[in-house]
Amino acid sequence: MEARGVARHGDRLRPVEDATTVTVRGGEVVVSDGPFAETKEWIAGYDIIACDDLDEAIEVASKHPMARFGKIEIRPVWPLGV
């Protein structure tokens, strides 16, 4: 991919056990452990953000417009060089 010039960004996600799902319903932030995706659900897009810790990532995710209508899955990536 690099040689063809088509690669833009890639990294390894940590296991699904490390996922956190954030939704906002009625103004209340709901946080649950684990991924949101079930076989009938689909991923509509993604954002890559850099946060100091999970609490900051939850705060950022709770402000995402789609958190009010869908679910935001927080998935950490492995640090480079690991």
Protein backbone atom coordinates (compact mmCIF):
# COMPACT_ATOMS: atom_id res chain seq x y z
CA MET A 1 0.00 0.00 0.00
CA GLU A 2 2.83 2.38 0.81
CA ALA A 3 4.55 1.69 -2.51
CA ARG A 4 1.31 2.39 -4.41
CA GLY A 5 0.73 5.59 -2.44
CA VAL A 6 -2.72 4.56 -1.25
CA ALA A 7 -2.00 4.19 2.49
CA ARG A 8 -3.28 7.08 4.60
CA HIS A 9 -3.28 5.85 8.19
CA GLY A 10 -3.38 2.54 9.97
CA ASP A 11 -2.76 1.14 13.40
CA ARG A 12 -3.62 -1.93 15.46
CA LEU A 13 -6.71 -1.70 17.64
CA ARG A 14 -6.56 -3.14 21.11
CA PRO A 15 -8.85 -6.13 21.81
CA VAL A 16 -12.63 -5.66 22.02
CA GLU A 17 -12.38 -6.24 25.77
CA ASP A 18 -10.71 -2.79 25.95
CA ALA A 19 -13.56 -1.03 24.12
CA THR A 20 -15.91 1.46 25.79
CA THR A 21 -19.23 2.58 24.29
CA VAL A 22 -20.66 6.06 24.87
CA THR A 23 -24.21 7.22 24.14
CA VAL A 24 -26.12 10.34 25.13
CA ARG A 25 -29.85 9.94 25.71
CA GLY A 26 -32.01 12.71 27.13
CA GLY A 27 -28.88 14.68 27.98
CA GLU A 28 -27.48 11.83 30.09
CA VAL A 29 -24.13 10.29 29.18
CA VAL A 30 -24.30 6.47 29.30
CA VAL A 31 -20.99 4.58 29.38
CA SER A 32 -20.75 0.80 28.98
CA ASP A 33 -17.86 -1.62 28.69
CA GLY A 34 -17.30 -3.43 25.44
CA PRO A 35 -17.92 -2.76 21.77
CA PHE A 36 -21.29 -1.72 20.37
CA ALA A 37 -21.20 -3.64 17.10
CA GLU A 38 -23.52 -6.58 16.77
CA THR A 39 -24.09 -8.42 13.54
CA LYS A 40 -27.07 -6.19 12.63
CA GLU A 41 -25.26 -2.92 13.41
CA TRP A 42 -22.81 -1.11 11.17
CA ILE A 43 -20.02 1.41 11.54
CA ALA A 44 -20.92 4.68 9.80
CA GLY A 45 -17.61 6.48 10.21
CA TYR A 46 -14.64 7.03 12.46
CA ASP A 47 -12.62 9.74 14.15
CA ILE A 48 -9.11 9.33 15.50
CA ILE A 49 -8.52 11.41 18.62
CA ALA A 50 -5.59 11.69 21.03
CA CYS A 51 -6.57 11.84 24.71
CA ASP A 52 -4.58 11.54 27.92
CA ASP A 53 -6.86 8.87 29.40
CA LEU A 54 -10.21 7.09 29.08
CA ASP A 55 -12.04 9.77 31.08
CA GLU A 56 -10.99 12.44 28.59
CA ALA A 57 -11.94 10.18 25.67
CA ILE A 58 -15.40 9.64 27.20
CA GLU A 59 -15.86 13.39 27.63
CA VAL A 60 -14.85 14.05 24.01
CA ALA A 61 -17.03 11.20 22.70
CA SER A 62 -20.05 12.42 24.67
CA LYS A 63 -19.85 15.75 22.82
CA HIS A 64 -19.79 14.11 19.37
CA PRO A 65 -23.04 14.85 17.49
CA MET A 66 -23.64 11.16 16.72
CA ALA A 67 -23.58 10.24 20.42
CA ARG A 68 -27.14 11.59 20.64
CA PHE A 69 -28.43 9.36 17.82
CA GLY A 70 -26.09 6.38 17.66
CA LYS A 71 -23.27 4.94 19.70
CA ILE A 72 -19.65 6.02 19.93
CA GLU A 73 -17.17 3.21 20.43
CA ILE A 74 -13.86 4.15 22.01
CA ARG A 75 -11.12 1.76 20.98
CA PRO A 76 -7.53 2.39 22.07
CA VAL A 77 -4.70 1.53 19.71
CA TRP A 78 -1.46 -0.17 20.61
CA PRO A 79 1.39 2.30 21.18
CA LEU A 80 3.89 2.48 18.33
CA GLY A 81 6.83 0.14 18.72
CA VAL A 82 4.94 -2.45 20.79
